[in-house]
């Protein structure tokens, strides 16, 4: 089911806050795919000499990828992210290929597709394919494994 992107603030669904938030806008999301947007600013912790680093690309990919599985832990009508708390961890990155590092003031678009998912009581293990682009140039591609868990108070 596709959620209305105009009513979802992705910051409500990620545990990250500035300066570690590497996603600005959720452009689209389904149960199998997600697309996000991120403007690289000069004060970003992953910028050095006006270049967004490899670690920044990995963090952007992970935050984007986590949205696919993470959204299933929230109530369908919860657009504020209040019905649950999650933590997520990168458990593996495979075939990470960088074609070009983006520069300050560039906008990157990150697309992720769910490859596999295993759900257990209160946690999910998933594998996703991800590519990051700007101006129709593929900047990086990877496969990523994530572990996502509900946090109970």
Protein backbone atom coordinates (compact mmCIF):
# COMPACT_ATOMS: atom_id res chain seq x y z
CA UNK A 1 0.00 0.00 0.00
CA UNK A 2 1.37 3.40 -0.97
CA UNK A 3 1.30 6.05 1.73
CA UNK A 4 0.58 9.66 0.88
CA UNK A 5 4.03 11.22 0.74
CA UNK A 6 2.62 14.71 1.34
CA UNK A 7 1.58 13.76 4.88
CA UNK A 8 4.62 11.79 6.06
CA UNK A 9 7.63 13.47 7.63
CA UNK A 10 10.34 10.81 7.49
CA UNK A 11 12.04 12.38 10.52
CA UNK A 12 9.12 11.07 12.59
CA UNK A 13 10.02 7.50 11.65
CA UNK A 14 13.81 7.55 12.02
CA UNK A 15 15.68 7.68 15.33
CA UNK A 16 18.27 9.98 13.74
CA UNK A 17 18.39 13.70 14.38
CA UNK A 18 20.70 16.35 13.00
CA UNK A 19 23.57 16.17 12.50
CA UNK A 20 23.12 12.43 11.72
CA UNK A 21 19.92 12.71 9.68
CA UNK A 22 20.84 11.96 6.04
CA UNK A 23 17.34 12.03 4.50
CA UNK A 24 15.24 15.17 3.99
CA UNK A 25 12.14 14.04 2.13
CA UNK A 26 10.23 10.82 1.60
CA UNK A 27 9.18 10.92 -2.07
CA UNK A 28 7.39 7.55 -2.25
CA UNK A 29 7.03 4.37 -0.24
CA UNK A 30 5.37 0.97 -0.72
CA UNK A 31 5.83 -2.36 1.04
CA UNK A 32 8.63 -3.19 -1.43
CA UNK A 33 10.28 0.11 -2.37
CA UNK A 34 11.12 3.61 -1.20
CA UNK A 35 12.58 6.77 -2.71
CA UNK A 36 14.05 9.67 -0.70
CA UNK A 37 15.74 13.00 -1.36
CA UNK A 38 18.64 14.65 0.45
CA UNK A 39 20.27 18.06 -0.06
CA UNK A 40 23.95 17.93 0.86
CA UNK A 41 24.82 20.97 2.96
CA UNK A 42 28.27 22.27 3.81
CA UNK A 43 27.78 21.68 7.55
CA UNK A 44 26.97 17.96 7.08
CA UNK A 45 29.19 15.76 9.28
CA UNK A 46 30.02 13.60 6.26
CA UNK A 47 31.30 16.50 4.12
CA UNK A 48 34.99 17.19 3.74
CA UNK A 49 36.44 19.66 1.22
CA UNK A 50 32.94 20.12 -0.27
CA UNK A 51 32.57 16.38 -1.02
CA UNK A 52 29.99 14.03 0.57
CA UNK A 53 31.94 10.97 1.79
CA UNK A 54 31.52 7.26 1.23
CA UNK A 55 30.32 6.89 4.85
CA UNK A 56 27.67 9.52 4.16
CA UNK A 57 26.41 7.54 1.18
CA UNK A 58 26.18 4.39 3.30
CA UNK A 59 24.29 6.21 6.07
CA UNK A 60 21.92 7.80 3.55
CA UNK A 61 21.26 4.37 2.02
CA UNK A 62 20.66 2.76 5.43
CA UNK A 63 18.21 5.44 6.54
CA UNK A 64 16.33 5.17 3.26
CA UNK A 65 16.26 1.36 3.33
CA UNK A 66 15.02 1.20 6.92
CA UNK A 67 11.85 3.06 5.95
CA UNK A 68 10.46 0.09 3.97
CA UNK A 69 10.48 -2.39 6.83
CA UNK A 70 10.19 0.18 9.60
CA UNK A 71 6.86 1.51 8.33
CA UNK A 72 5.24 -1.90 8.89
CA UNK A 73 5.69 -1.47 12.66
CA UNK A 74 3.53 1.66 12.72
CA UNK A 75 -0.25 1.89 12.54
CA UNK A 76 -1.46 2.64 9.02
CA UNK A 77 -2.97 6.01 9.93
CA UNK A 78 0.00 7.09 12.09
CA UNK A 79 1.66 9.83 10.05
CA UNK A 80 3.42 11.27 13.12
CA UNK A 81 5.38 8.16 14.09
CA UNK A 82 3.88 8.02 17.57
CA UNK A 83 2.63 4.42 17.71
CA UNK A 84 6.00 2.72 18.05
CA UNK A 85 9.72 3.07 18.67
CA UNK A 86 12.35 1.23 16.64
CA UNK A 87 16.08 0.80 16.49
CA UNK A 88 17.91 -0.39 13.43
CA UNK A 89 21.39 -1.65 12.69
CA UNK A 90 23.30 -2.29 9.49
CA UNK A 91 24.29 -5.95 9.67
CA UNK A 92 26.06 -6.04 6.33
CA UNK A 93 26.88 -4.08 3.19
CA UNK A 94 27.75 -5.98 0.01
CA UNK A 95 28.85 -4.91 -3.44
CA UNK A 96 29.12 -1.24 -2.51
CA UNK A 97 30.22 0.50 -5.70
CA UNK A 98 30.84 4.21 -5.97
CA UNK A 99 30.89 5.85 -9.37
CA UNK A 100 31.12 9.43 -8.14
CA UNK A 101 30.93 11.27 -4.82
CA UNK A 102 28.39 14.11 -4.76
CA UNK A 103 29.29 17.68 -3.86
CA UNK A 104 27.87 20.25 -1.44
CA UNK A 105 24.56 21.75 -2.63
CA UNK A 106 23.76 18.72 -4.78
CA UNK A 107 20.53 16.81 -4.25
CA UNK A 108 20.77 13.04 -4.16
CA UNK A 109 17.87 10.65 -4.72
CA UNK A 110 18.07 7.27 -3.05
CA UNK A 111 16.00 4.31 -4.21
CA UNK A 112 15.73 1.02 -2.34
CA UNK A 113 13.95 -2.22 -3.13
CA UNK A 114 13.25 -5.01 -0.67
CA UNK A 115 14.88 -8.30 -1.69
CA UNK A 116 14.01 -10.47 1.31
CA UNK A 117 12.57 -10.14 4.77
CA UNK A 118 12.30 -12.37 7.82
CA UNK A 119 9.97 -11.31 10.64
CA UNK A 120 10.00 -12.68 14.16
CA UNK A 121 8.48 -11.50 17.41
CA UNK A 122 9.37 -7.80 17.56
CA UNK A 123 12.17 -7.73 14.99
CA UNK A 124 12.88 -8.02 11.28
CA UNK A 125 15.95 -8.99 9.30
CA UNK A 126 15.93 -7.76 5.73
CA UNK A 127 18.03 -7.46 2.61
CA UNK A 128 17.66 -4.55 0.18
CA UNK A 129 19.15 -3.28 -3.05
CA UNK A 130 19.86 0.40 -3.17
CA UNK A 131 21.05 2.96 -5.68
CA UNK A 132 21.83 6.62 -5.19
CA UNK A 133 21.68 9.09 -8.06
CA UNK A 134 21.62 12.76 -8.95
CA UNK A 135 20.90 14.39 -12.31
CA UNK A 136 20.25 10.90 -13.76
CA UNK A 137 23.79 9.80 -12.87
CA UNK A 138 24.10 6.72 -10.68
CA UNK A 139 26.48 7.73 -7.89
CA UNK A 140 26.52 4.47 -5.92
CA UNK A 141 24.88 1.05 -5.67
CA UNK A 142 24.88 -1.53 -2.90
CA UNK A 143 23.12 -4.40 -1.22
CA UNK A 144 22.39 -3.86 2.44
CA UNK A 145 21.23 -6.08 5.29
CA UNK A 146 19.41 -4.47 8.19
CA UNK A 147 18.20 -5.63 11.60
CA UNK A 148 15.18 -3.64 12.83
CA UNK A 149 13.73 -4.14 16.31
CA UNK A 150 10.86 -2.72 18.32
CA UNK A 151 11.88 -0.98 21.52
CA UNK A 152 9.53 -1.55 24.41
CA UNK A 153 9.47 0.85 27.33
